[in-house]
Amino acid sequence: MVGMDLLKLIKNFNSSAKDYEKKAIEQKKIAKMLFNIIHKDKKYKKVLEAGCGTGFLTELLIKNFNPEFLLLNDISLNMLKICIKKFNKNSSLHTYHGDFLKLKTKKKFDLIVSSMSFQWFKDLKKLFSHSFKLLKENGDLAFSIPINGTFKELIFSLKRSTNRKDIPVLKFPSKEKIKNSLLKSGFKILSIKEKIIKRYYPSCWSFMKRLKTTGTNFPSSKPLTPLELRDTINYYERFFKTDKGIYATWQILFVFARRPK
């Protein structure tokens, strides 16, 4: 499924689930931005949310579309449990715990959405082809995804503080790769917009801790040594520190696509 060990990914998100609501400030903001690009003039009766987390986007979908059937999917059972608890009075709610690519259903959806989860999939063509098959004709796909340029300050610091060929940070796809994979899967792209979000943190350590507490931990099987960690922090704070604290770049792509008739 993903660009890092699957069991490690599940463990990361299960561990971070209880603090996710408070810590995932960027993810909540991005979920709202994603919702704003979805066409509001259509009635989406059957909706699938891949990687629902604790329900930032779910809440907006229920309040604004009130779908007849809403299927929530997440690979983390702890995340899914929190989401279900928040909306358990909604009779339209259904869940699927597991890998989105392994989801098999006879239902066809009017809308598939995903905020900040598609970056975990290695094969974008396979991901989009699977999404295409799950949609009705004229059905829509809306998602947000970090692209290359995200955490460029951290990557810069890691490259200078380690001698590794494989930098222990998630590799994000390019805008062109996403666009081409969508088109090859049969989608018509209605909207594709890039947004750069600059966030400030008290220190490099607090930023790295924030990544860990929101499940976005280093994907490398070999963790940083104490010396590598110290040097990374020193480089980061030397080059990217301001009066507001250190900053990190989130480069996010927002996509709205349609399965043609």
C-alpha atoms as a PDB file:
ATOM      1  CA  MET A   1       0.000   0.000   0.000  1.00  0.00           C
ATOM      2  CA  VAL A   2       2.405   2.619   1.186  1.00  0.00           C
ATOM      3  CA  GLY A   3       5.866   4.135   0.882  1.00  0.00           C
ATOM      4  CA  MET A   4       6.785   2.927   4.348  1.00  0.00           C
ATOM      5  CA  ASP A   5       6.279  -0.313   6.259  1.00  0.00           C
ATOM      6  CA  LEU A   6       2.526  -0.945   6.567  1.00  0.00           C
ATOM      7  CA  LEU A   7       2.649  -2.247  10.133  1.00  0.00           C
ATOM      8  CA  LYS A   8       4.758   0.740  11.185  1.00  0.00           C
ATOM      9  CA  LEU A   9       2.246   3.119   9.599  1.00  0.00           C
ATOM     10  CA  ILE A  10      -0.664   1.483  11.429  1.00  0.00           C
ATOM     11  CA  LYS A  11       1.282   1.581  14.699  1.00  0.00           C
ATOM     12  CA  ASN A  12       2.106   5.288  14.223  1.00  0.00           C
ATOM     13  CA  PHE A  13      -1.512   6.288  13.647  1.00  0.00           C
ATOM     14  CA  ASN A  14      -2.920   4.029  16.359  1.00  0.00           C
ATOM     15  CA  SER A  15      -0.468   5.570  18.848  1.00  0.00           C
ATOM     16  CA  SER A  16      -1.269   9.139  17.805  1.00  0.00           C
ATOM     17  CA  ALA A  17      -5.076   8.751  17.660  1.00  0.00           C
ATOM     18  CA  LYS A  18      -5.870  10.027  21.172  1.00  0.00           C
ATOM     19  CA  ASP A  19      -3.919  13.282  20.682  1.00  0.00           C
ATOM     20  CA  TYR A  20      -4.733  13.765  17.008  1.00  0.00           C
ATOM     21  CA  GLU A  21      -7.699  16.101  17.540  1.00  0.00           C
ATOM     22  CA  LYS A  22      -5.551  18.586  19.472  1.00  0.00           C
ATOM     23  CA  LYS A  23      -2.276  18.242  17.583  1.00  0.00           C
ATOM     24  CA  ALA A  24      -3.304  17.940  13.918  1.00  0.00           C
ATOM     25  CA  ILE A  25      -3.821  21.677  13.372  1.00  0.00           C
ATOM     26  CA  GLU A  26      -2.530  21.670   9.795  1.00  0.00           C
ATOM     27  CA  GLN A  27      -4.566  18.601   8.834  1.00  0.00           C
ATOM     28  CA  LYS A  28      -7.778  20.200  10.118  1.00  0.00           C
ATOM     29  CA  LYS A  29      -7.124  23.396   8.173  1.00  0.00           C
ATOM     30  CA  ILE A  30      -6.376  21.427   4.992  1.00  0.00           C
ATOM     31  CA  ALA A  31      -9.586  19.373   5.376  1.00  0.00           C
ATOM     32  CA  LYS A  32     -11.607  22.618   5.382  1.00  0.00           C
ATOM     33  CA  MET A  33      -9.752  23.888   2.323  1.00  0.00           C
ATOM     34  CA  LEU A  34     -10.447  20.612   0.521  1.00  0.00           C
ATOM     35  CA  PHE A  35     -14.141  20.772   1.335  1.00  0.00           C
ATOM     36  CA  ASN A  36     -14.317  24.229  -0.225  1.00  0.00           C
ATOM     37  CA  ILE A  37     -13.350  22.903  -3.679  1.00  0.00           C
ATOM     38  CA  ILE A  38     -16.112  20.268  -3.772  1.00  0.00           C
ATOM     39  CA  HIS A  39     -19.042  21.292  -5.964  1.00  0.00           C
ATOM     40  CA  LYS A  40     -21.956  22.225  -3.714  1.00  0.00           C
ATOM     41  CA  ASP A  41     -24.585  22.197  -6.482  1.00  0.00           C
ATOM     42  CA  LYS A  42     -24.544  18.390  -6.743  1.00  0.00           C
ATOM     43  CA  LYS A  43     -26.436  16.029  -4.469  1.00  0.00           C
ATOM     44  CA  TYR A  44     -24.046  13.366  -3.265  1.00  0.00           C
ATOM     45  CA  LYS A  45     -26.191  10.502  -1.968  1.00  0.00           C
ATOM     46  CA  LYS A  46     -23.458   7.890  -1.631  1.00  0.00           C
ATOM     47  CA  VAL A  47     -20.095   9.106  -0.314  1.00  0.00           C
ATOM     48  CA  LEU A  48     -16.846   7.292   0.503  1.00  0.00           C
ATOM     49  CA  GLU A  49     -14.118   8.891   2.600  1.00  0.00           C
ATOM     50  CA  ALA A  50     -10.708   7.200   2.390  1.00  0.00           C
ATOM     51  CA  GLY A  51      -8.413   7.828   5.357  1.00  0.00           C
ATOM     52  CA  CYS A  52     -11.056   9.549   7.478  1.00  0.00           C
ATOM     53  CA  GLY A  53      -8.820   9.879  10.554  1.00  0.00           C
ATOM     54  CA  THR A  54     -10.779  11.255  13.505  1.00  0.00           C
ATOM     55  CA  GLY A  55     -13.326  12.983  11.273  1.00  0.00           C
ATOM     56  CA  PHE A  56     -12.245  16.527  10.361  1.00  0.00           C
ATOM     57  CA  LEU A  57     -13.633  16.211   6.827  1.00  0.00           C
ATOM     58  CA  THR A  58     -16.369  13.774   7.876  1.00  0.00           C
ATOM     59  CA  GLU A  59     -18.036  16.452   9.989  1.00  0.00           C
ATOM     60  CA  LEU A  60     -18.213  18.847   7.038  1.00  0.00           C
ATOM     61  CA  LEU A  61     -19.615  16.151   4.740  1.00  0.00           C
ATOM     62  CA  ILE A  62     -22.392  15.235   7.182  1.00  0.00           C
ATOM     63  CA  LYS A  63     -23.358  18.836   7.960  1.00  0.00           C
ATOM     64  CA  ASN A  64     -23.415  20.041   4.373  1.00  0.00           C
ATOM     65  CA  PHE A  65     -24.370  17.032   2.247  1.00  0.00           C
ATOM     66  CA  ASN A  66     -26.137  14.724   4.716  1.00  0.00           C
ATOM     67  CA  PRO A  67     -25.559  11.702   2.429  1.00  0.00           C
ATOM     68  CA  GLU A  68     -27.898   8.714   2.487  1.00  0.00           C
ATOM     69  CA  PHE A  69     -24.894   6.384   2.690  1.00  0.00           C
ATOM     70  CA  LEU A  70     -21.489   7.437   4.039  1.00  0.00           C
ATOM     71  CA  LEU A  71     -18.692   4.862   4.118  1.00  0.00           C
ATOM     72  CA  LEU A  72     -15.734   5.793   6.318  1.00  0.00           C
ATOM     73  CA  ASN A  73     -12.416   4.039   5.791  1.00  0.00           C
ATOM     74  CA  ASP A  74      -9.173   4.151   7.745  1.00  0.00           C
ATOM     75  CA  ILE A  75      -6.254   1.799   8.226  1.00  0.00           C
ATOM     76  CA  SER A  76      -6.023   2.768  11.911  1.00  0.00           C
ATOM     77  CA  LEU A  77      -8.699   1.146  14.061  1.00  0.00           C
ATOM     78  CA  ASN A  78      -8.114   3.649  16.882  1.00  0.00           C
ATOM     79  CA  MET A  79      -8.677   6.586  14.522  1.00  0.00           C
ATOM     80  CA  LEU A  80     -11.800   4.965  13.114  1.00  0.00           C
ATOM     81  CA  LYS A  81     -13.221   4.307  16.597  1.00  0.00           C
ATOM     82  CA  ILE A  82     -12.867   7.990  17.536  1.00  0.00           C
ATOM     83  CA  CYS A  83     -14.558   9.029  14.302  1.00  0.00           C
ATOM     84  CA  ILE A  84     -17.437   6.579  14.807  1.00  0.00           C
ATOM     85  CA  LYS A  85     -17.957   7.769  18.388  1.00  0.00           C
ATOM     86  CA  LYS A  86     -18.314  11.381  17.198  1.00  0.00           C
ATOM     87  CA  PHE A  87     -21.000  10.570  14.631  1.00  0.00           C
ATOM     88  CA  ASN A  88     -22.589   7.349  15.917  1.00  0.00           C
ATOM     89  CA  LYS A  89     -26.093   8.859  15.948  1.00  0.00           C
ATOM     90  CA  ASN A  90     -25.979   9.204  12.173  1.00  0.00           C
ATOM     91  CA  SER A  91     -27.800   6.215  10.665  1.00  0.00           C
ATOM     92  CA  SER A  92     -26.185   6.686   7.241  1.00  0.00           C
ATOM     93  CA  LEU A  93     -22.739   5.876   8.649  1.00  0.00           C
ATOM     94  CA  HIS A  94     -20.890   2.691   7.654  1.00  0.00           C
ATOM     95  CA  THR A  95     -17.245   1.749   8.180  1.00  0.00           C
ATOM     96  CA  TYR A  96     -14.466  -0.218   6.550  1.00  0.00           C
ATOM     97  CA  HIS A  97     -11.294  -0.792   8.568  1.00  0.00           C
ATOM     98  CA  GLY A  98      -8.341  -1.674   6.370  1.00  0.00           C
ATOM     99  CA  ASP A  99      -6.397  -0.868   3.220  1.00  0.00           C
ATOM    100  CA  PHE A 100      -8.466   1.287   0.848  1.00  0.00           C
ATOM    101  CA  LEU A 101      -7.078  -0.628  -2.149  1.00  0.00           C
ATOM    102  CA  LYS A 102      -8.563  -3.850  -0.763  1.00  0.00           C
ATOM    103  CA  LEU A 103     -12.063  -2.405  -0.427  1.00  0.00           C
ATOM    104  CA  LYS A 104     -14.543  -4.506  -2.414  1.00  0.00           C
ATOM    105  CA  THR A 105     -18.162  -3.451  -2.675  1.00  0.00           C
ATOM    106  CA  LYS A 106     -20.970  -3.632  -5.229  1.00  0.00           C
ATOM    107  CA  LYS A 107     -21.933  -0.067  -4.366  1.00  0.00           C
ATOM    108  CA  LYS A 108     -20.981   2.785  -6.668  1.00  0.00           C
ATOM    109  CA  PHE A 109     -20.347   6.197  -5.134  1.00  0.00           C
ATOM    110  CA  ASP A 110     -21.300   9.728  -6.167  1.00  0.00           C
ATOM    111  CA  LEU A 111     -18.272  11.146  -4.363  1.00  0.00           C
ATOM    112  CA  ILE A 112     -14.957   9.823  -3.049  1.00  0.00           C
ATOM    113  CA  VAL A 113     -12.940  12.147  -0.825  1.00  0.00           C
ATOM    114  CA  SER A 114      -9.608  11.917   0.934  1.00  0.00           C
ATOM    115  CA  SER A 115      -7.697  14.534   2.864  1.00  0.00           C
ATOM    116  CA  MET A 116      -3.991  13.984   3.481  1.00  0.00           C
ATOM    117  CA  SER A 117      -3.907  10.215   3.034  1.00  0.00           C
ATOM    118  CA  PHE A 118      -3.130   9.506  -0.634  1.00  0.00           C
ATOM    119  CA  GLN A 119       0.582  10.293  -0.098  1.00  0.00           C
ATOM    120  CA  TRP A 120       0.934   6.947   1.688  1.00  0.00           C
ATOM    121  CA  PHE A 121       0.227   5.005  -1.521  1.00  0.00           C
ATOM    122  CA  LYS A 122       3.214   4.002  -3.646  1.00  0.00           C
ATOM    123  CA  ASP A 123       1.319   3.300  -6.870  1.00  0.00           C
ATOM    124  CA  LEU A 124      -0.812   6.336  -7.742  1.00  0.00           C
ATOM    125  CA  LYS A 125      -2.075   4.801 -10.989  1.00  0.00           C
ATOM    126  CA  LYS A 126      -3.378   1.793  -9.057  1.00  0.00           C
ATOM    127  CA  LEU A 127      -4.915   4.097  -6.438  1.00  0.00           C
ATOM    128  CA  PHE A 128      -6.746   6.254  -8.979  1.00  0.00           C
ATOM    129  CA  SER A 129      -7.859   3.273 -11.087  1.00  0.00           C
ATOM    130  CA  HIS A 130      -9.375   1.712  -7.963  1.00  0.00           C
ATOM    131  CA  SER A 131     -11.131   5.000  -7.123  1.00  0.00           C
ATOM    132  CA  PHE A 132     -12.405   5.243 -10.717  1.00  0.00           C
ATOM    133  CA  LYS A 133     -14.006   1.780 -10.490  1.00  0.00           C
ATOM    134  CA  LEU A 134     -15.764   2.670  -7.220  1.00  0.00           C
ATOM    135  CA  LEU A 135     -17.385   5.791  -8.688  1.00  0.00           C
ATOM    136  CA  LYS A 136     -20.617   6.060 -10.637  1.00  0.00           C
ATOM    137  CA  GLU A 137     -20.464   7.632 -14.079  1.00  0.00           C
ATOM    138  CA  ASN A 138     -20.257  11.394 -13.539  1.00  0.00           C
ATOM    139  CA  GLY A 139     -19.056  10.701  -9.973  1.00  0.00           C
ATOM    140  CA  ASP A 140     -16.439  12.954  -8.384  1.00  0.00           C
ATOM    141  CA  LEU A 141     -13.079  12.467  -6.683  1.00  0.00           C
ATOM    142  CA  ALA A 142     -11.758  15.207  -4.377  1.00  0.00           C
ATOM    143  CA  PHE A 143      -8.515  14.975  -2.453  1.00  0.00           C
ATOM    144  CA  SER A 144      -5.686  16.923  -0.867  1.00  0.00           C
ATOM    145  CA  ILE A 145      -2.140  15.595  -0.922  1.00  0.00           C
ATOM    146  CA  PRO A 146       1.287  16.951   0.092  1.00  0.00           C
ATOM    147  CA  ILE A 147       3.641  17.168  -2.885  1.00  0.00           C
ATOM    148  CA  ASN A 148       7.388  17.587  -3.340  1.00  0.00           C
ATOM    149  CA  GLY A 149       8.478  20.761  -1.606  1.00  0.00           C
ATOM    150  CA  THR A 150       6.721  19.744   1.607  1.00  0.00           C
ATOM    151  CA  PHE A 151       9.127  19.826   4.584  1.00  0.00           C
ATOM    152  CA  LYS A 152      11.928  21.045   2.295  1.00  0.00           C
ATOM    153  CA  GLU A 153      13.627  22.689   5.289  1.00  0.00           C
ATOM    154  CA  LEU A 154      13.770  19.362   7.125  1.00  0.00           C
ATOM    155  CA  ILE A 155      15.065  17.558   4.032  1.00  0.00           C
ATOM    156  CA  PHE A 156      17.766  20.234   3.599  1.00  0.00           C
ATOM    157  CA  SER A 157      18.848  19.787   7.226  1.00  0.00           C
ATOM    158  CA  LEU A 158      18.819  15.988   7.043  1.00  0.00           C
ATOM    159  CA  LYS A 159      20.959  15.961   3.899  1.00  0.00           C
ATOM    160  CA  ARG A 160      23.595  18.075   5.605  1.00  0.00           C
ATOM    161  CA  SER A 161      23.601  16.214   8.898  1.00  0.00           C
ATOM    162  CA  THR A 162      23.667  12.617   7.635  1.00  0.00           C
ATOM    163  CA  ASN A 163      25.758  10.701   5.112  1.00  0.00           C
ATOM    164  CA  ARG A 164      22.884   8.462   4.107  1.00  0.00           C
ATOM    165  CA  LYS A 165      21.852   7.897   0.512  1.00  0.00           C
ATOM    166  CA  ASP A 166      18.234   7.420   1.588  1.00  0.00           C
ATOM    167  CA  ILE A 167      17.149  10.444   3.599  1.00  0.00           C
ATOM    168  CA  PRO A 168      14.779   9.215   6.352  1.00  0.00           C
ATOM    169  CA  VAL A 169      11.792  11.334   5.369  1.00  0.00           C
ATOM    170  CA  LEU A 170       8.698  10.564   3.312  1.00  0.00           C
ATOM    171  CA  LYS A 171       9.143  11.215  -0.420  1.00  0.00           C
ATOM    172  CA  PHE A 172       6.188  13.155  -1.772  1.00  0.00           C
ATOM    173  CA  PRO A 173       4.928  12.880  -5.376  1.00  0.00           C
ATOM    174  CA  SER A 174       5.106  15.700  -7.911  1.00  0.00           C
ATOM    175  CA  LYS A 175       2.117  17.598  -9.271  1.00  0.00           C
ATOM    176  CA  GLU A 176       2.847  16.267 -12.761  1.00  0.00           C
ATOM    177  CA  LYS A 177       2.965  12.651 -11.591  1.00  0.00           C
ATOM    178  CA  ILE A 178      -0.406  13.028  -9.865  1.00  0.00           C
ATOM    179  CA  LYS A 179      -1.932  14.746 -12.889  1.00  0.00           C
ATOM    180  CA  ASN A 180      -0.642  12.126 -15.344  1.00  0.00           C
ATOM    181  CA  SER A 181      -1.758   9.223 -13.129  1.00  0.00           C
ATOM    182  CA  LEU A 182      -5.281  10.672 -12.924  1.00  0.00           C
ATOM    183  CA  LEU A 183      -5.548  11.129 -16.689  1.00  0.00           C
ATOM    184  CA  LYS A 184      -4.207   7.618 -17.380  1.00  0.00           C
ATOM    185  CA  SER A 185      -6.836   6.239 -14.991  1.00  0.00           C
ATOM    186  CA  GLY A 186      -9.620   7.855 -17.039  1.00  0.00           C
ATOM    187  CA  PHE A 187     -10.404  10.915 -14.915  1.00  0.00           C
ATOM    188  CA  LYS A 188     -11.251  14.360 -16.206  1.00  0.00           C
ATOM    189  CA  ILE A 189      -9.541  16.971 -14.009  1.00  0.00           C
ATOM    190  CA  LEU A 190     -11.916  19.840 -13.213  1.00  0.00           C
ATOM    191  CA  SER A 191      -9.698  21.680 -10.747  1.00  0.00           C
ATOM    192  CA  ILE A 192      -6.092  21.330  -9.601  1.00  0.00           C
ATOM    193  CA  LYS A 193      -4.623  23.953  -7.288  1.00  0.00           C
ATOM    194  CA  GLU A 194      -1.423  24.217  -5.299  1.00  0.00           C
ATOM    195  CA  LYS A 195      -1.275  25.906  -1.913  1.00  0.00           C
ATOM    196  CA  ILE A 196       1.846  26.646   0.121  1.00  0.00           C
ATOM    197  CA  ILE A 197       1.270  26.772   3.875  1.00  0.00           C
ATOM    198  CA  LYS A 198       4.062  28.102   6.084  1.00  0.00           C
ATOM    199  CA  ARG A 199       3.747  27.060   9.717  1.00  0.00           C
ATOM    200  CA  TYR A 200       5.849  28.275  12.645  1.00  0.00           C
ATOM    201  CA  TYR A 201       6.935  26.159  15.618  1.00  0.00           C
ATOM    202  CA  PRO A 202       8.824  27.090  18.808  1.00  0.00           C
ATOM    203  CA  SER A 203      11.776  24.864  17.850  1.00  0.00           C
ATOM    204  CA  CYS A 204      12.871  22.149  15.442  1.00  0.00           C
ATOM    205  CA  TRP A 205      12.384  19.598  18.205  1.00  0.00           C
ATOM    206  CA  SER A 206       8.766  20.696  18.754  1.00  0.00           C
ATOM    207  CA  PHE A 207       8.120  20.457  14.988  1.00  0.00           C
ATOM    208  CA  MET A 208       9.550  16.932  14.808  1.00  0.00           C
ATOM    209  CA  LYS A 209       7.575  15.943  17.886  1.00  0.00           C
ATOM    210  CA  ARG A 210       4.417  17.322  16.238  1.00  0.00           C
ATOM    211  CA  LEU A 211       5.045  15.114  13.211  1.00  0.00           C
ATOM    212  CA  LYS A 212       5.392  12.097  15.475  1.00  0.00           C
ATOM    213  CA  THR A 213       2.234  12.831  17.487  1.00  0.00           C
ATOM    214  CA  THR A 214       0.186  13.131  14.291  1.00  0.00           C
ATOM    215  CA  GLY A 215       1.456   9.821  12.893  1.00  0.00           C
ATOM    216  CA  THR A 216       3.815  11.376  10.335  1.00  0.00           C
ATOM    217  CA  ASN A 217       6.957   9.745  11.659  1.00  0.00           C
ATOM    218  CA  PHE A 218      10.166   9.084   9.728  1.00  0.00           C
ATOM    219  CA  PRO A 219       9.595   6.188   7.284  1.00  0.00           C
ATOM    220  CA  SER A 220      13.157   4.897   7.398  1.00  0.00           C
ATOM    221  CA  SER A 221      13.597   1.513   9.067  1.00  0.00           C
ATOM    222  CA  LYS A 222      16.800   2.859  10.589  1.00  0.00           C
ATOM    223  CA  PRO A 223      16.100   5.763  12.983  1.00  0.00           C
ATOM    224  CA  LEU A 224      18.357   8.783  13.347  1.00  0.00           C
ATOM    225  CA  THR A 225      21.281   8.334  15.710  1.00  0.00           C
ATOM    226  CA  PRO A 226      21.517  10.809  18.627  1.00  0.00           C
ATOM    227  CA  LEU A 227      24.360  12.587  16.770  1.00  0.00           C
ATOM    228  CA  GLU A 228      22.366  12.779  13.511  1.00  0.00           C
ATOM    229  CA  LEU A 229      19.343  14.104  15.389  1.00  0.00           C
ATOM    230  CA  ARG A 230      21.417  16.755  17.162  1.00  0.00           C
ATOM    231  CA  ASP A 231      23.088  17.859  13.925  1.00  0.00           C
ATOM    232  CA  THR A 232      19.749  17.968  12.077  1.00  0.00           C
ATOM    233  CA  ILE A 233      18.267  20.227  14.752  1.00  0.00           C
ATOM    234  CA  ASN A 234      21.353  22.467  14.690  1.00  0.00           C
ATOM    235  CA  TYR A 235      21.220  22.853  10.898  1.00  0.00           C
ATOM    236  CA  TYR A 236      17.468  23.490  10.948  1.00  0.00           C
ATOM    237  CA  GLU A 237      17.652  26.182  13.607  1.00  0.00           C
ATOM    238  CA  ARG A 238      20.683  27.776  11.979  1.00  0.00           C
ATOM    239  CA  PHE A 239      19.047  28.256   8.568  1.00  0.00           C
ATOM    240  CA  PHE A 240      15.285  28.389   9.247  1.00  0.00           C
ATOM    241  CA  LYS A 241      14.854  30.210  12.546  1.00  0.00           C
ATOM    242  CA  THR A 242      13.061  33.570  12.763  1.00  0.00           C
ATOM    243  CA  ASP A 243      11.659  35.791  15.502  1.00  0.00           C
ATOM    244  CA  LYS A 244       8.467  33.705  15.266  1.00  0.00           C
ATOM    245  CA  GLY A 245      10.345  30.433  15.715  1.00  0.00           C
ATOM    246  CA  ILE A 246      11.403  27.903  13.083  1.00  0.00           C
ATOM    247  CA  TYR A 247       9.193  27.410  10.025  1.00  0.00           C
ATOM    248  CA  ALA A 248       8.152  24.441   7.917  1.00  0.00           C
ATOM    249  CA  THR A 249       6.611  24.416   4.455  1.00  0.00           C
ATOM    250  CA  TRP A 250       3.523  22.363   3.661  1.00  0.00           C
ATOM    251  CA  GLN A 251       3.044  22.274  -0.136  1.00  0.00           C
ATOM    252  CA  ILE A 252      -0.448  20.896  -0.709  1.00  0.00           C
ATOM    253  CA  LEU A 253      -2.228  19.977  -3.934  1.00  0.00           C
ATOM    254  CA  PHE A 254      -6.036  20.154  -4.023  1.00  0.00           C
ATOM    255  CA  VAL A 255      -7.668  18.125  -6.791  1.00  0.00           C
ATOM    256  CA  PHE A 256     -11.259  17.813  -7.987  1.00  0.00           C
ATOM    257  CA  ALA A 257     -11.749  15.249 -10.761  1.00  0.00           C
ATOM    258  CA  ARG A 258     -14.661  13.434 -12.392  1.00  0.00           C
ATOM    259  CA  ARG A 259     -15.337  10.032 -13.906  1.00  0.00           C
ATOM    260  CA  PRO A 260     -16.822  10.919 -17.309  1.00  0.00           C
ATOM    261  CA  LYS A 261     -20.015   9.342 -18.641  1.00  0.00           C
END
